[in-house]
PDB file of all heavy atoms in Angstrom:
ATOM      1  N   GLN A   1      30.013   7.875  -5.500  1.00  0.00           N
ATOM      2  CA  GLN A   1      28.995   7.366  -4.583  1.00  0.00           C
ATOM      3  C   GLN A   1      27.762   8.267  -4.578  1.00  0.00           C
ATOM      4  O   GLN A   1      27.728   9.317  -5.217  1.00  0.00           O
ATOM      5  CB  GLN A   1      29.573   7.256  -3.168  1.00  0.00           C
ATOM      6  CG  GLN A   1      30.750   6.290  -3.038  1.00  0.00           C
ATOM      7  CD  GLN A   1      31.321   6.286  -1.631  1.00  0.00           C
ATOM      8  OE1 GLN A   1      30.696   6.775  -0.688  1.00  0.00           O
ATOM      9  NE2 GLN A   1      32.517   5.736  -1.483  1.00  0.00           N
ATOM     10  N   THR A   2      26.748   7.833  -3.834  1.00  0.00           N
ATOM     11  CA  THR A   2      25.554   8.646  -3.614  1.00  0.00           C
ATOM     12  C   THR A   2      25.360   8.801  -2.106  1.00  0.00           C
ATOM     13  O   THR A   2      25.274   7.791  -1.395  1.00  0.00           O
ATOM     14  CB  THR A   2      24.309   7.982  -4.230  1.00  0.00           C
ATOM     15  OG1 THR A   2      24.547   7.789  -5.630  1.00  0.00           O
ATOM     16  CG2 THR A   2      23.083   8.882  -4.049  1.00  0.00           C
ATOM     17  N   PRO A   3      25.286  10.019  -1.557  1.00  0.00           N
ATOM     18  CA  PRO A   3      25.449  11.284  -2.291  1.00  0.00           C
ATOM     19  C   PRO A   3      26.912  11.518  -2.682  1.00  0.00           C
ATOM     20  O   PRO A   3      27.819  11.185  -1.920  1.00  0.00           O
ATOM     21  CB  PRO A   3      24.974  12.340  -1.290  1.00  0.00           C
ATOM     22  CG  PRO A   3      25.293  11.725   0.045  1.00  0.00           C
ATOM     23  CD  PRO A   3      25.070  10.244  -0.111  1.00  0.00           C
ATOM     24  N   ALA A   4      27.104  12.074  -3.855  1.00  0.00           N
ATOM     25  CA  ALA A   4      28.449  12.268  -4.378  1.00  0.00           C
ATOM     26  C   ALA A   4      29.126  13.463  -3.725  1.00  0.00           C
ATOM     27  O   ALA A   4      28.476  14.445  -3.353  1.00  0.00           O
ATOM     28  CB  ALA A   4      28.388  12.474  -5.893  1.00  0.00           C
ATOM     29  N   ALA A   5      30.450  13.363  -3.594  1.00  0.00           N
ATOM     30  CA  ALA A   5      31.232  14.509  -3.135  1.00  0.00           C
ATOM     31  C   ALA A   5      31.103  15.651  -4.134  1.00  0.00           C
ATOM     32  O   ALA A   5      31.012  15.433  -5.346  1.00  0.00           O
ATOM     33  CB  ALA A   5      32.696  14.109  -2.990  1.00  0.00           C
ATOM     34  N   ILE A   6      31.067  16.877  -3.620  1.00  0.00           N
ATOM     35  CA  ILE A   6      31.062  18.065  -4.482  1.00  0.00           C
ATOM     36  C   ILE A   6      32.246  18.948  -4.092  1.00  0.00           C
ATOM     37  O   ILE A   6      32.728  18.872  -2.957  1.00  0.00           O
ATOM     38  CB  ILE A   6      29.743  18.872  -4.363  1.00  0.00           C
ATOM     39  CG1 ILE A   6      29.579  19.438  -2.938  1.00  0.00           C
ATOM     40  CG2 ILE A   6      28.533  18.026  -4.764  1.00  0.00           C
ATOM     41  CD1 ILE A   6      28.433  20.438  -2.803  1.00  0.00           C
ATOM     42  N   PRO A   7      32.735  19.769  -5.014  1.00  0.00           N
ATOM     43  CA  PRO A   7      33.755  20.740  -4.615  1.00  0.00           C
ATOM     44  C   PRO A   7      33.181  21.681  -3.562  1.00  0.00           C
ATOM     45  O   PRO A   7      32.008  22.075  -3.657  1.00  0.00           O
ATOM     46  CB  PRO A   7      34.062  21.496  -5.912  1.00  0.00           C
ATOM     47  CG  PRO A   7      33.458  20.684  -7.014  1.00  0.00           C
ATOM     48  CD  PRO A   7      32.329  19.920  -6.423  1.00  0.00           C
ATOM     49  N   ILE A   8      33.964  22.020  -2.553  1.00  0.00           N
ATOM     50  CA  ILE A   8      33.485  22.993  -1.567  1.00  0.00           C
ATOM     51  C   ILE A   8      33.089  24.276  -2.278  1.00  0.00           C
ATOM     52  O   ILE A   8      32.064  24.882  -1.960  1.00  0.00           O
ATOM     53  CB  ILE A   8      34.560  23.242  -0.494  1.00  0.00           C
ATOM     54  CG1 ILE A   8      34.737  21.978   0.354  1.00  0.00           C
ATOM     55  CG2 ILE A   8      34.183  24.424   0.396  1.00  0.00           C
ATOM     56  CD1 ILE A   8      35.834  22.082   1.395  1.00  0.00           C
ATOM     57  N   TYR A   9      33.878  24.685  -3.239  1.00  0.00           N
ATOM     58  CA  TYR A   9      33.502  25.763  -4.159  1.00  0.00           C
ATOM     59  C   TYR A   9      34.504  25.798  -5.305  1.00  0.00           C
ATOM     60  O   TYR A   9      35.717  25.708  -5.077  1.00  0.00           O
ATOM     61  CB  TYR A   9      33.453  27.139  -3.462  1.00  0.00           C
ATOM     62  CG  TYR A   9      33.188  28.263  -4.429  1.00  0.00           C
ATOM     63  CD1 TYR A   9      31.993  28.304  -5.148  1.00  0.00           C
ATOM     64  CD2 TYR A   9      34.138  29.248  -4.685  1.00  0.00           C
ATOM     65  CE1 TYR A   9      31.754  29.301  -6.077  1.00  0.00           C
ATOM     66  CE2 TYR A   9      33.899  30.257  -5.606  1.00  0.00           C
ATOM     67  CZ  TYR A   9      32.702  30.263  -6.306  1.00  0.00           C
ATOM     68  OH  TYR A   9      32.464  31.242  -7.236  1.00  0.00           O
ATOM     69  N   GLU A  10      33.993  25.873  -6.523  1.00  0.00           N
ATOM     70  CA  GLU A  10      34.844  26.039  -7.708  1.00  0.00           C
ATOM     71  C   GLU A  10      34.685  27.452  -8.240  1.00  0.00           C
ATOM     72  O   GLU A  10      33.579  28.008  -8.162  1.00  0.00           O
ATOM     73  CB  GLU A  10      34.450  25.034  -8.800  1.00  0.00           C
ATOM     74  CG  GLU A  10      35.011  23.664  -8.578  1.00  0.00           C
ATOM     75  CD  GLU A  10      34.729  22.724  -9.748  1.00  0.00           C
ATOM     76  OE1 GLU A  10      33.653  22.851 -10.373  1.00  0.00           O
ATOM     77  OE2 GLU A  10      35.580  21.872 -10.026  1.00  0.00           O
ATOM     78  N   PRO A  11      35.777  28.018  -8.773  1.00  0.00           N
ATOM     79  CA  PRO A  11      37.073  27.413  -9.103  1.00  0.00           C
ATOM     80  C   PRO A  11      38.080  27.404  -7.955  1.00  0.00           C
ATOM     81  O   PRO A  11      39.216  26.973  -8.141  1.00  0.00           O
ATOM     82  CB  PRO A  11      37.575  28.318 -10.225  1.00  0.00           C
ATOM     83  CG  PRO A  11      37.013  29.664  -9.886  1.00  0.00           C
ATOM     84  CD  PRO A  11      35.665  29.408  -9.282  1.00  0.00           C
ATOM     85  N   GLU A  12      37.680  27.808  -6.768  1.00  0.00           N
ATOM     86  CA  GLU A  12      38.630  28.011  -5.677  1.00  0.00           C
ATOM     87  C   GLU A  12      39.197  26.708  -5.117  1.00  0.00           C
ATOM     88  O   GLU A  12      40.407  26.580  -4.903  1.00  0.00           O
ATOM     89  CB  GLU A  12      37.940  28.805  -4.561  1.00  0.00           C
ATOM     90  CG  GLU A  12      38.863  29.628  -3.733  1.00  0.00           C
ATOM     91  CD  GLU A  12      38.082  30.538  -2.794  1.00  0.00           C
ATOM     92  OE1 GLU A  12      37.028  30.138  -2.273  1.00  0.00           O
ATOM     93  OE2 GLU A  12      38.553  31.657  -2.579  1.00  0.00           O
ATOM     94  N   LEU A  13      38.311  25.738  -4.830  1.00  0.00           N
ATOM     95  CA  LEU A  13      38.733  24.455  -4.252  1.00  0.00           C
ATOM     96  C   LEU A  13      38.195  23.307  -5.102  1.00  0.00           C
ATOM     97  O   LEU A  13      37.279  22.585  -4.697  1.00  0.00           O
ATOM     98  CB  LEU A  13      38.248  24.329  -2.801  1.00  0.00           C
ATOM     99  CG  LEU A  13      38.836  25.308  -1.776  1.00  0.00           C
ATOM    100  CD1 LEU A  13      38.245  25.061  -0.395  1.00  0.00           C
ATOM    101  CD2 LEU A  13      40.364  25.215  -1.729  1.00  0.00           C
ATOM    102  N   PRO A  14      38.733  23.114  -6.310  1.00  0.00           N
ATOM    103  CA  PRO A  14      38.268  22.022  -7.169  1.00  0.00           C
ATOM    104  C   PRO A  14      38.626  20.668  -6.569  1.00  0.00           C
ATOM    105  O   PRO A  14      39.642  20.530  -5.878  1.00  0.00           O
ATOM    106  CB  PRO A  14      39.023  22.261  -8.484  1.00  0.00           C
ATOM    107  CG  PRO A  14      40.265  22.982  -8.076  1.00  0.00           C
ATOM    108  CD  PRO A  14      39.876  23.844  -6.902  1.00  0.00           C
ATOM    109  N   LEU A  15      37.784  19.673  -6.817  1.00  0.00           N
ATOM    110  CA  LEU A  15      38.074  18.330  -6.324  1.00  0.00           C
ATOM    111  C   LEU A  15      39.368  17.812  -6.948  1.00  0.00           C
ATOM    112  O   LEU A  15      39.581  17.946  -8.158  1.00  0.00           O
ATOM    113  CB  LEU A  15      36.923  17.380  -6.676  1.00  0.00           C
ATOM    114  CG  LEU A  15      35.646  17.481  -5.832  1.00  0.00           C
ATOM    115  CD1 LEU A  15      34.573  16.560  -6.387  1.00  0.00           C
ATOM    116  CD2 LEU A  15      35.921  17.153  -4.374  1.00  0.00           C
ATOM    117  N   GLY A  16      40.221  17.233  -6.129  1.00  0.00           N
ATOM    118  CA  GLY A  16      41.479  16.683  -6.636  1.00  0.00           C
ATOM    119  C   GLY A  16      42.440  16.461  -5.501  1.00  0.00           C
ATOM    120  O   GLY A  16      42.244  16.928  -4.369  1.00  0.00           O
ATOM    121  N   ARG A  17      43.505  15.729  -5.791  1.00  0.00           N
ATOM    122  CA  ARG A  17      44.511  15.424  -4.775  1.00  0.00           C
ATOM    123  C   ARG A  17      45.515  16.554  -4.661  1.00  0.00           C
ATOM    124  O   ARG A  17      45.691  17.352  -5.575  1.00  0.00           O
ATOM    125  CB  ARG A  17      45.225  14.123  -5.138  1.00  0.00           C
ATOM    126  CG  ARG A  17      44.289  12.943  -5.211  1.00  0.00           C
ATOM    127  CD  ARG A  17      45.019  11.655  -5.486  1.00  0.00           C
ATOM    128  NE  ARG A  17      44.070  10.548  -5.557  1.00  0.00           N
ATOM    129  CZ  ARG A  17      44.411   9.275  -5.554  1.00  0.00           C
ATOM    130  NH1 ARG A  17      45.681   8.956  -5.477  1.00  0.00           N
ATOM    131  NH2 ARG A  17      43.489   8.335  -5.624  1.00  0.00           N
ATOM    132  N   GLY A  18      46.175  16.576  -3.513  1.00  0.00           N
ATOM    133  CA  GLY A  18      47.246  17.535  -3.313  1.00  0.00           C
ATOM    134  C   GLY A  18      46.804  18.777  -2.554  1.00  0.00           C
ATOM    135  O   GLY A  18      45.611  19.025  -2.349  1.00  0.00           O
ATOM    136  N   VAL A  19      47.785  19.557  -2.152  1.00  0.00           N
ATOM    137  CA  VAL A  19      47.545  20.776  -1.374  1.00  0.00           C
ATOM    138  C   VAL A  19      47.091  21.896  -2.298  1.00  0.00           C
ATOM    139  O   VAL A  19      47.670  22.117  -3.360  1.00  0.00           O
ATOM    140  CB  VAL A  19      48.835  21.203  -0.634  1.00  0.00           C
ATOM    141  CG1 VAL A  19      48.611  22.498   0.132  1.00  0.00           C
ATOM    142  CG2 VAL A  19      49.288  20.093   0.315  1.00  0.00           C
ATOM    143  N   ILE A  20      46.029  22.579  -1.905  1.00  0.00           N
ATOM    144  CA  ILE A  20      45.520  23.722  -2.671  1.00  0.00           C
ATOM    145  C   ILE A  20      45.841  24.991  -1.886  1.00  0.00           C
ATOM    146  O   ILE A  20      45.353  25.179  -0.762  1.00  0.00           O
ATOM    147  CB  ILE A  20      44.001  23.614  -2.915  1.00  0.00           C
ATOM    148  CG1 ILE A  20      43.651  22.286  -3.605  1.00  0.00           C
ATOM    149  CG2 ILE A  20      43.511  24.805  -3.757  1.00  0.00           C
ATOM    150  CD1 ILE A  20      42.155  22.029  -3.701  1.00  0.00           C
ATOM    151  N   GLN A  21      46.651  25.843  -2.454  1.00  0.00           N
ATOM    152  CA  GLN A  21      46.990  27.112  -1.822  1.00  0.00           C
ATOM    153  C   GLN A  21      45.879  28.131  -2.080  1.00  0.00           C
ATOM    154  O   GLN A  21      45.151  28.025  -3.070  1.00  0.00           O
ATOM    155  CB  GLN A  21      48.324  27.635  -2.363  1.00  0.00           C
ATOM    156  CG  GLN A  21      49.513  26.748  -2.065  1.00  0.00           C
ATOM    157  CD  GLN A  21      49.838  26.659  -0.574  1.00  0.00           C
ATOM    158  OE1 GLN A  21      49.448  27.528   0.214  1.00  0.00           O
ATOM    159  NE2 GLN A  21      50.556  25.610  -0.188  1.00  0.00           N
ATOM    160  N   PRO A  22      45.736  29.141  -1.224  1.00  0.00           N
ATOM    161  CA  PRO A  22      44.733  30.178  -1.480  1.00  0.00           C
ATOM    162  C   PRO A  22      45.030  30.885  -2.799  1.00  0.00           C
ATOM    163  O   PRO A  22      46.183  30.937  -3.242  1.00  0.00           O
ATOM    164  CB  PRO A  22      44.895  31.142  -0.307  1.00  0.00           C
ATOM    165  CG  PRO A  22      45.660  30.405   0.730  1.00  0.00           C
ATOM    166  CD  PRO A  22      46.499  29.404   0.007  1.00  0.00           C
ATOM    167  N   PRO A  23      44.005  31.433  -3.442  1.00  0.00           N
ATOM    168  CA  PRO A  23      44.243  32.200  -4.665  1.00  0.00           C
ATOM    169  C   PRO A  23      45.225  33.341  -4.419  1.00  0.00           C
ATOM    170  O   PRO A  23      45.395  33.813  -3.289  1.00  0.00           O
ATOM    171  CB  PRO A  23      42.846  32.740  -5.017  1.00  0.00           C
ATOM    172  CG  PRO A  23      41.890  31.807  -4.343  1.00  0.00           C
ATOM    173  CD  PRO A  23      42.582  31.368  -3.089  1.00  0.00           C
ATOM    174  N   GLU A  24      45.870  33.777  -5.467  1.00  0.00           N
ATOM    175  CA  GLU A  24      46.848  34.857  -5.387  1.00  0.00           C
ATOM    176  C   GLU A  24      46.258  36.061  -4.664  1.00  0.00           C
ATOM    177  O   GLU A  24      45.166  36.525  -4.973  1.00  0.00           O
ATOM    178  CB  GLU A  24      47.277  35.266  -6.803  1.00  0.00           C
ATOM    179  CG  GLU A  24      48.408  36.271  -6.853  1.00  0.00           C
ATOM    180  CD  GLU A  24      49.742  35.702  -6.407  1.00  0.00           C
ATOM    181  OE1 GLU A  24      49.948  34.481  -6.552  1.00  0.00           O
ATOM    182  OE2 GLU A  24      50.559  36.481  -5.889  1.00  0.00           O
ATOM    183  N   GLY A  25      46.996  36.567  -3.676  1.00  0.00           N
ATOM    184  CA  GLY A  25      46.574  37.756  -2.948  1.00  0.00           C
ATOM    185  C   GLY A  25      45.685  37.488  -1.751  1.00  0.00           C
ATOM    186  O   GLY A  25      45.401  38.397  -0.973  1.00  0.00           O
ATOM    187  N   LEU A  26      45.227  36.232  -1.578  1.00  0.00           N
ATOM    188  CA  LEU A  26      44.358  35.895  -0.450  1.00  0.00           C
ATOM    189  C   LEU A  26      45.129  35.099   0.595  1.00  0.00           C
ATOM    190  O   LEU A  26      46.031  34.322   0.273  1.00  0.00           O
ATOM    191  CB  LEU A  26      43.147  35.079  -0.912  1.00  0.00           C
ATOM    192  CG  LEU A  26      42.246  35.670  -1.988  1.00  0.00           C
ATOM    193  CD1 LEU A  26      40.988  34.811  -2.149  1.00  0.00           C
ATOM    194  CD2 LEU A  26      41.855  37.103  -1.686  1.00  0.00           C
ATOM    195  N   GLU A  27      44.745  35.273   1.858  1.00  0.00           N
ATOM    196  CA  GLU A  27      45.386  34.529   2.941  1.00  0.00           C
ATOM    197  C   GLU A  27      44.701  33.197   3.201  1.00  0.00           C
ATOM    198  O   GLU A  27      45.274  32.309   3.829  1.00  0.00           O
ATOM    199  CB  GLU A  27      45.398  35.365   4.222  1.00  0.00           C
ATOM    200  CG  GLU A  27      46.279  36.608   4.124  1.00  0.00           C
ATOM    201  CD  GLU A  27      46.315  37.394   5.412  1.00  0.00           C
ATOM    202  OE1 GLU A  27      45.550  37.051   6.348  1.00  0.00           O
ATOM    203  OE2 GLU A  27      47.107  38.354   5.496  1.00  0.00           O
ATOM    204  N   MET A  28      43.466  33.050   2.738  1.00  0.00           N
ATOM    205  CA  MET A  28      42.717  31.816   2.909  1.00  0.00           C
ATOM    206  C   MET A  28      41.665  31.733   1.816  1.00  0.00           C
ATOM    207  O   MET A  28      41.290  32.761   1.234  1.00  0.00           O
ATOM    208  CB  MET A  28      42.054  31.777   4.296  1.00  0.00           C
ATOM    209  CG  MET A  28      41.033  32.874   4.530  1.00  0.00           C
ATOM    210  SD  MET A  28      40.539  33.061   6.262  1.00  0.00           S
ATOM    211  CE  MET A  28      39.778  31.482   6.594  1.00  0.00           C
ATOM    212  N   PRO A  29      41.186  30.528   1.484  1.00  0.00           N
ATOM    213  CA  PRO A  29      40.129  30.436   0.477  1.00  0.00           C
ATOM    214  C   PRO A  29      38.903  31.238   0.909  1.00  0.00           C
ATOM    215  O   PRO A  29      38.479  31.175   2.069  1.00  0.00           O
ATOM    216  CB  PRO A  29      39.829  28.933   0.431  1.00  0.00           C
ATOM    217  CG  PRO A  29      41.060  28.273   0.960  1.00  0.00           C
ATOM    218  CD  PRO A  29      41.598  29.206   1.998  1.00  0.00           C
ATOM    219  N   GLY A  30      38.332  31.989  -0.016  1.00  0.00           N
ATOM    220  CA  GLY A  30      37.175  32.824   0.311  1.00  0.00           C
ATOM    221  C   GLY A  30      35.999  32.019   0.819  1.00  0.00           C
ATOM    222  O   GLY A  30      35.261  32.467   1.712  1.00  0.00           O
ATOM    223  N   CYS A  31      35.792  30.806   0.272  1.00  0.00           N
ATOM    224  CA  CYS A  31      34.648  29.997   0.704  1.00  0.00           C
ATOM    225  C   CYS A  31      34.809  29.525   2.148  1.00  0.00           C
ATOM    226  O   CYS A  31      33.810  29.254   2.823  1.00  0.00           O
ATOM    227  CB  CYS A  31      34.441  28.813  -0.234  1.00  0.00           C
ATOM    228  SG  CYS A  31      35.880  27.741  -0.429  1.00  0.00           S
ATOM    229  N   ILE A  32      36.052  29.443   2.632  1.00  0.00           N
ATOM    230  CA  ILE A  32      36.291  29.137   4.048  1.00  0.00           C
ATOM    231  C   ILE A  32      36.055  30.394   4.884  1.00  0.00           C
ATOM    232  O   ILE A  32      35.411  30.354   5.939  1.00  0.00           O
ATOM    233  CB  ILE A  32      37.720  28.607   4.259  1.00  0.00           C
ATOM    234  CG1 ILE A  32      37.944  27.320   3.446  1.00  0.00           C
ATOM    235  CG2 ILE A  32      37.991  28.380   5.741  1.00  0.00           C
ATOM    236  CD1 ILE A  32      37.090  26.151   3.837  1.00  0.00           C
ATOM    237  N   ARG A  33      36.552  31.523   4.403  1.00  0.00           N
ATOM    238  CA  ARG A  33      36.350  32.787   5.128  1.00  0.00           C
ATOM    239  C   ARG A  33      34.865  33.120   5.248  1.00  0.00           C
ATOM    240  O   ARG A  33      34.440  33.694   6.257  1.00  0.00           O
ATOM    241  CB  ARG A  33      37.095  33.922   4.408  1.00  0.00           C
ATOM    242  CG  ARG A  33      36.917  35.304   5.049  1.00  0.00           C
ATOM    243  CD  ARG A  33      37.505  35.341   6.452  1.00  0.00           C
ATOM    244  NE  ARG A  33      37.310  36.632   7.092  1.00  0.00           N
ATOM    245  CZ  ARG A  33      36.214  36.991   7.751  1.00  0.00           C
ATOM    246  NH1 ARG A  33      35.187  36.158   7.856  1.00  0.00           N
ATOM    247  NH2 ARG A  33      36.144  38.184   8.326  1.00  0.00           N
ATOM    248  N   ASP A  34      34.064  32.730   4.268  1.00  0.00           N
ATOM    249  CA  ASP A  34      32.620  32.970   4.345  1.00  0.00           C
ATOM    250  C   ASP A  34      31.992  32.264   5.540  1.00  0.00           C
ATOM    251  O   ASP A  34      30.952  32.701   6.042  1.00  0.00           O
ATOM    252  CB  ASP A  34      31.926  32.491   3.059  1.00  0.00           C
ATOM    253  CG  ASP A  34      32.136  33.429   1.884  1.00  0.00           C
ATOM    254  OD1 ASP A  34      32.472  34.609   2.111  1.00  0.00           O
ATOM    255  OD2 ASP A  34      31.957  32.979   0.739  1.00  0.00           O
ATOM    256  N   ALA A  35      32.588  31.161   5.978  1.00  0.00           N
ATOM    257  CA  ALA A  35      32.045  30.396   7.104  1.00  0.00           C
ATOM    258  C   ALA A  35      32.617  30.852   8.444  1.00  0.00           C
ATOM    259  O   ALA A  35      32.234  30.332   9.490  1.00  0.00           O
ATOM    260  CB  ALA A  35      32.332  28.905   6.902  1.00  0.00           C
ATOM    261  N   ALA A  36      33.528  31.812   8.410  1.00  0.00           N
ATOM    262  CA  ALA A  36      34.173  32.289   9.639  1.00  0.00           C
ATOM    263  C   ALA A  36      33.358  33.424  10.262  1.00  0.00           C
ATOM    264  O   ALA A  36      32.599  34.106   9.575  1.00  0.00           O
ATOM    265  CB  ALA A  36      35.590  32.776   9.323  1.00  0.00           C
ATOM    266  N   PRO A  37      33.513  33.644  11.553  1.00  0.00           N
ATOM    267  CA  PRO A  37      32.801  34.761  12.197  1.00  0.00           C
ATOM    268  C   PRO A  37      33.349  36.104  11.744  1.00  0.00           C
ATOM    269  O   PRO A  37      34.541  36.232  11.442  1.00  0.00           O
ATOM    270  CB  PRO A  37      33.063  34.533  13.688  1.00  0.00           C
ATOM    271  CG  PRO A  37      34.311  33.717  13.754  1.00  0.00           C
ATOM    272  CD  PRO A  37      34.323  32.867  12.520  1.00  0.00           C
ATOM    273  N   ASP A  38      32.482  37.096  11.692  1.00  0.00           N
ATOM    274  CA  ASP A  38      32.900  38.462  11.399  1.00  0.00           C
ATOM    275  C   ASP A  38      33.019  39.244  12.709  1.00  0.00           C
ATOM    276  O   ASP A  38      33.192  38.653  13.763  1.00  0.00           O
ATOM    277  CB  ASP A  38      31.912  39.131  10.436  1.00  0.00           C
ATOM    278  CG  ASP A  38      32.217  38.779   8.978  1.00  0.00           C
ATOM    279  OD1 ASP A  38      33.312  38.258   8.715  1.00  0.00           O
ATOM    280  OD2 ASP A  38      31.349  39.017   8.123  1.00  0.00           O
ATOM    281  N   ALA A  39      32.889  40.554  12.629  1.00  0.00           N
ATOM    282  CA  ALA A  39      33.237  41.417  13.770  1.00  0.00           C
ATOM    283  C   ALA A  39      32.520  41.025  15.066  1.00  0.00           C
ATOM    284  O   ALA A  39      33.150  40.902  16.125  1.00  0.00           O
ATOM    285  CB  ALA A  39      32.945  42.872  13.413  1.00  0.00           C
TER     286      ALA A  39
END
């Protein structure tokens, strides 16, 4: 469609079906943590 869906961030959250686990060693996707509050 227009506007087309985009990956929230690649290679971390590529478009596709199914559950995406955080990358090895991370508790959450970094692109989500970037949107979270800091100290």
